Amino acid sequence: MDGRRLPDERREIRISDADRERAAERLNRAMAEGRISVDELEERLRTVYAARFGADLVPVLDDLPGDPLNLSADILATPVGPPTVLRGGLGALKRRGQWNVPARLRVQSSFGPVLLDFCEAELPSPVVEVELELGAGSARLLVPDDATADVDGLESSFGSVRSKIAARPVHGRPHFRIYGRTSAGSVTVRTRYTFAGRHF
């Protein structure tokens, strides 16, 4: 064998510190529920923090509820800390290009249109909460191609809410939780279109 990977061989991806922390949270919850003892918790945590690949987590999680390699339920935890507030009045409110996205955003606009383009942005948090407080203006939220977005918490009095993005989170992909209220404007959540070298 020359060490080259065959086409049908699956490459094992290394896990991150965030993955280890989510696995540790699952173990702590299991101990609080009486599923494992304190001694078992300590022993399993040693394995978790030494883990390099997802397969290393299977022995310590496979007798607990849920898929041991699917941590998506844990990444849905509400981001902590106060939201970053973006305010717009009559003019347009835009964020696009390379910008750093906080874990929590509150967007307030009375009449002007809102554009939030996350496609080239830095997304340090696996979950981004976007709270919309909109009047008559419409909003477009453009998310990366592999992202998911839950808009069930968004209420509209006279406008419309349209999302072309899968709502169920997938581990390892950015997830957006979009909620709040719009009075008369429409809200659209989709991926970004590209035509003739221009994005829209």
Protein backbone atom coordinates (compact mmCIF):
# COMPACT_ATOMS: atom_id res chain seq x y z
CA MET A 1 0.00 0.00 0.00
CA ASP A 2 1.32 3.46 -0.87
CA GLY A 3 -0.78 5.30 1.71
CA ARG A 4 -3.09 6.91 -0.79
CA ARG A 5 -6.80 6.99 0.06
CA LEU A 6 -9.09 4.94 -2.13
CA PRO A 7 -12.06 6.80 -3.71
CA ASP A 8 -14.64 5.06 -1.51
CA GLU A 9 -12.76 5.53 1.74
CA ARG A 10 -14.25 8.07 4.12
CA ARG A 11 -11.90 10.65 5.59
CA GLU A 12 -12.25 11.07 9.35
CA ILE A 13 -12.61 14.74 10.30
CA ARG A 14 -11.04 15.97 13.52
CA ILE A 15 -13.46 17.38 16.07
CA SER A 16 -13.19 20.86 17.55
CA ASP A 17 -13.06 22.14 21.12
CA ALA A 18 -16.70 23.16 20.71
CA ASP A 19 -17.58 19.55 19.83
CA ARG A 20 -15.84 18.32 22.97
CA GLU A 21 -17.69 20.89 25.07
CA ARG A 22 -21.05 19.84 23.63
CA ALA A 23 -20.25 16.19 24.37
CA ALA A 24 -19.29 17.18 27.92
CA GLU A 25 -22.57 19.06 28.32
CA ARG A 26 -24.47 15.94 27.24
CA LEU A 27 -22.61 13.88 29.87
CA ASN A 28 -23.27 16.43 32.60
CA ARG A 29 -26.94 16.41 31.72
CA ALA A 30 -26.98 12.61 31.83
CA MET A 31 -25.46 12.67 35.31
CA ALA A 32 -28.04 15.24 36.48
CA GLU A 33 -30.80 12.97 35.16
CA GLY A 34 -29.40 9.99 37.07
CA ARG A 35 -28.30 8.05 33.97
CA ILE A 36 -24.64 7.87 34.97
CA SER A 37 -22.81 8.24 38.28
CA VAL A 38 -20.30 10.93 39.26
CA ASP A 39 -17.46 8.41 38.86
CA GLU A 40 -18.70 7.47 35.38
CA LEU A 41 -18.95 11.15 34.48
CA GLU A 42 -15.34 11.81 35.46
CA GLU A 43 -14.10 8.77 33.56
CA ARG A 44 -16.04 9.65 30.42
CA LEU A 45 -14.99 13.29 30.53
CA ARG A 46 -11.35 12.23 30.43
CA THR A 47 -12.09 10.36 27.22
CA VAL A 48 -14.02 13.30 25.74
CA TYR A 49 -11.26 15.84 26.33
CA ALA A 50 -8.67 13.47 24.89
CA ALA A 51 -10.79 12.72 21.80
CA ARG A 52 -9.47 13.70 18.37
CA PHE A 53 -12.14 12.27 16.06
CA GLY A 54 -15.89 11.81 16.21
CA ALA A 55 -15.48 8.05 16.53
CA ASP A 56 -13.64 8.61 19.83
CA LEU A 57 -16.89 9.94 21.33
CA VAL A 58 -18.98 6.87 20.50
CA PRO A 59 -17.93 4.69 23.50
CA VAL A 60 -18.88 7.40 26.03
CA LEU A 61 -22.15 8.52 24.40
CA ASP A 62 -23.65 5.49 22.66
CA ASP A 63 -25.65 4.30 25.72
CA LEU A 64 -27.24 7.73 26.19
CA PRO A 65 -30.27 9.18 24.34
CA GLY A 66 -29.54 10.51 20.87
CA ASP A 67 -27.04 9.73 18.15
CA PRO A 68 -23.54 9.94 19.67
CA LEU A 69 -22.17 11.59 16.53
CA ASN A 70 -25.07 13.98 16.04
CA LEU A 71 -24.55 16.93 18.34
CA SER A 72 -27.04 19.16 16.52
CA ALA A 73 -29.46 19.13 19.46
CA ASP A 74 -26.78 20.73 21.62
CA ILE A 75 -25.78 23.46 19.19
CA LEU A 76 -29.28 24.90 19.50
CA ALA A 77 -28.54 26.32 22.92
CA THR A 78 -29.52 30.00 23.08
CA PRO A 79 -26.44 32.22 22.64
CA VAL A 80 -25.64 34.11 25.81
CA GLY A 81 -25.01 37.81 26.33
CA PRO A 82 -26.84 40.95 25.23
CA PRO A 83 -27.64 41.38 21.54
CA THR A 84 -25.87 43.77 19.24
CA VAL A 85 -28.46 46.32 18.11
CA LEU A 86 -28.64 47.60 14.53
CA ARG A 87 -30.98 50.56 14.05
CA GLY A 88 -32.34 52.03 10.85
CA GLY A 89 -34.90 54.75 10.25
CA LEU A 90 -36.03 55.98 6.85
CA GLY A 91 -32.83 54.95 5.10
CA ALA A 92 -31.56 51.51 4.18
CA LEU A 93 -29.80 49.35 6.77
CA LYS A 94 -27.17 47.09 5.19
CA ARG A 95 -24.48 44.70 6.32
CA ARG A 96 -22.58 42.86 3.62
CA GLY A 97 -19.11 41.70 2.69
CA GLN A 98 -16.66 40.65 5.38
CA TRP A 99 -18.18 41.60 8.70
CA ASN A 100 -18.04 39.91 12.07
CA VAL A 101 -21.45 38.56 13.05
CA PRO A 102 -22.28 38.51 16.76
CA ALA A 103 -24.11 35.53 18.20
CA ARG A 104 -27.18 37.71 18.85
CA LEU A 105 -28.50 40.51 16.64
CA ARG A 106 -31.47 42.81 17.17
CA VAL A 107 -32.48 44.70 14.03
CA GLN A 108 -34.80 47.70 14.43
CA SER A 109 -36.08 49.57 11.38
CA SER A 110 -39.21 51.69 10.96
CA PHE A 111 -39.50 52.24 7.20
CA GLY A 112 -36.20 51.60 5.44
CA PRO A 113 -35.25 48.29 3.80
CA VAL A 114 -32.89 45.90 5.58
CA LEU A 115 -30.22 43.74 3.93
CA LEU A 116 -28.15 41.32 5.99
CA ASP A 117 -25.72 39.36 3.83
CA PHE A 118 -23.99 36.64 5.87
CA CYS A 119 -22.36 34.87 2.91
CA GLU A 120 -18.87 36.37 3.28
CA ALA A 121 -19.16 37.23 6.97
CA GLU A 122 -17.26 35.76 9.90
CA LEU A 123 -19.57 33.48 11.90
CA PRO A 124 -17.80 32.65 15.17
CA SER A 125 -20.92 31.11 16.71
CA PRO A 126 -22.58 27.96 15.30
CA VAL A 127 -25.96 29.54 16.05
CA VAL A 128 -26.88 33.13 15.19
CA GLU A 129 -30.03 34.65 16.64
CA VAL A 130 -31.59 37.47 14.63
CA GLU A 131 -34.45 39.36 16.25
CA LEU A 132 -36.33 41.58 13.81
CA GLU A 133 -38.38 44.59 14.88
CA LEU A 134 -39.61 45.98 11.57
CA GLY A 135 -42.26 48.50 10.59
CA ALA A 136 -43.15 49.03 6.94
CA GLY A 137 -39.75 48.17 5.52
CA SER A 138 -38.85 44.81 4.02
CA ALA A 139 -35.85 42.66 4.94
CA ARG A 140 -33.64 40.27 3.00
CA LEU A 141 -31.40 37.84 4.86
CA LEU A 142 -28.86 36.09 2.63
CA VAL A 143 -27.25 33.05 4.24
CA PRO A 144 -24.43 30.72 3.12
CA ASP A 145 -25.33 27.81 0.85
CA ASP A 146 -24.85 25.21 3.61
CA ALA A 147 -26.74 27.14 6.30
CA THR A 148 -30.09 26.32 7.91
CA ALA A 149 -32.61 28.86 9.18
CA ASP A 150 -35.61 28.59 11.50
CA VAL A 151 -38.17 31.37 10.96
CA ASP A 152 -41.03 29.88 13.01
CA GLY A 153 -40.67 32.57 15.65
CA LEU A 154 -41.19 35.43 13.19
CA GLU A 155 -44.64 37.04 13.18
CA SER A 156 -46.03 39.29 10.45
CA SER A 157 -49.14 41.46 10.78
CA PHE A 158 -49.70 42.47 7.14
CA GLY A 159 -46.48 41.49 5.38
CA SER A 160 -45.14 38.09 4.37
CA VAL A 161 -42.40 35.74 5.54
CA ARG A 162 -40.66 33.61 2.92
CA SER A 163 -37.80 31.21 3.52
CA LYS A 164 -36.18 28.90 0.99
CA ILE A 165 -33.78 27.48 3.55
CA ALA A 166 -34.06 24.17 5.42
CA ALA A 167 -35.12 24.81 9.01
CA ARG A 168 -33.63 21.78 10.73
CA PRO A 169 -30.08 22.37 12.03
CA VAL A 170 -27.23 20.20 10.81
CA HIS A 171 -24.14 19.66 12.91
CA GLY A 172 -21.15 21.51 11.51
CA ARG A 173 -23.20 24.00 9.50
CA PRO A 174 -24.22 27.55 10.50
CA HIS A 175 -27.75 27.80 11.87
CA PHE A 176 -29.83 30.97 12.04
CA ARG A 177 -32.74 31.40 14.42
CA ILE A 178 -34.85 34.31 13.12
CA TYR A 179 -37.71 35.65 15.19
CA GLY A 180 -39.49 38.86 16.13
CA ARG A 181 -42.18 40.89 14.40
CA THR A 182 -42.78 42.79 11.17
CA SER A 183 -45.80 45.04 10.70
CA ALA A 184 -46.24 45.60 6.97
CA GLY A 185 -42.94 44.66 5.35
CA SER A 186 -41.94 41.31 3.92
CA VAL A 187 -39.06 39.14 5.13
CA THR A 188 -37.15 36.88 2.76
CA VAL A 189 -34.50 34.36 3.81
CA ARG A 190 -32.52 32.71 1.02
CA THR A 191 -29.08 31.99 -0.36
CA ARG A 192 -27.32 34.58 -2.48
CA TYR A 193 -27.82 34.70 -6.24
CA THR A 194 -24.92 35.42 -8.57
CA PHE A 195 -25.29 36.77 -12.10
CA ALA A 196 -22.64 38.27 -14.38
CA GLY A 197 -20.23 38.46 -11.47
CA ARG A 198 -22.65 40.38 -9.26
CA HIS A 199 -24.28 39.13 -6.10
CA PHE A 200 -27.87 39.89 -5.11
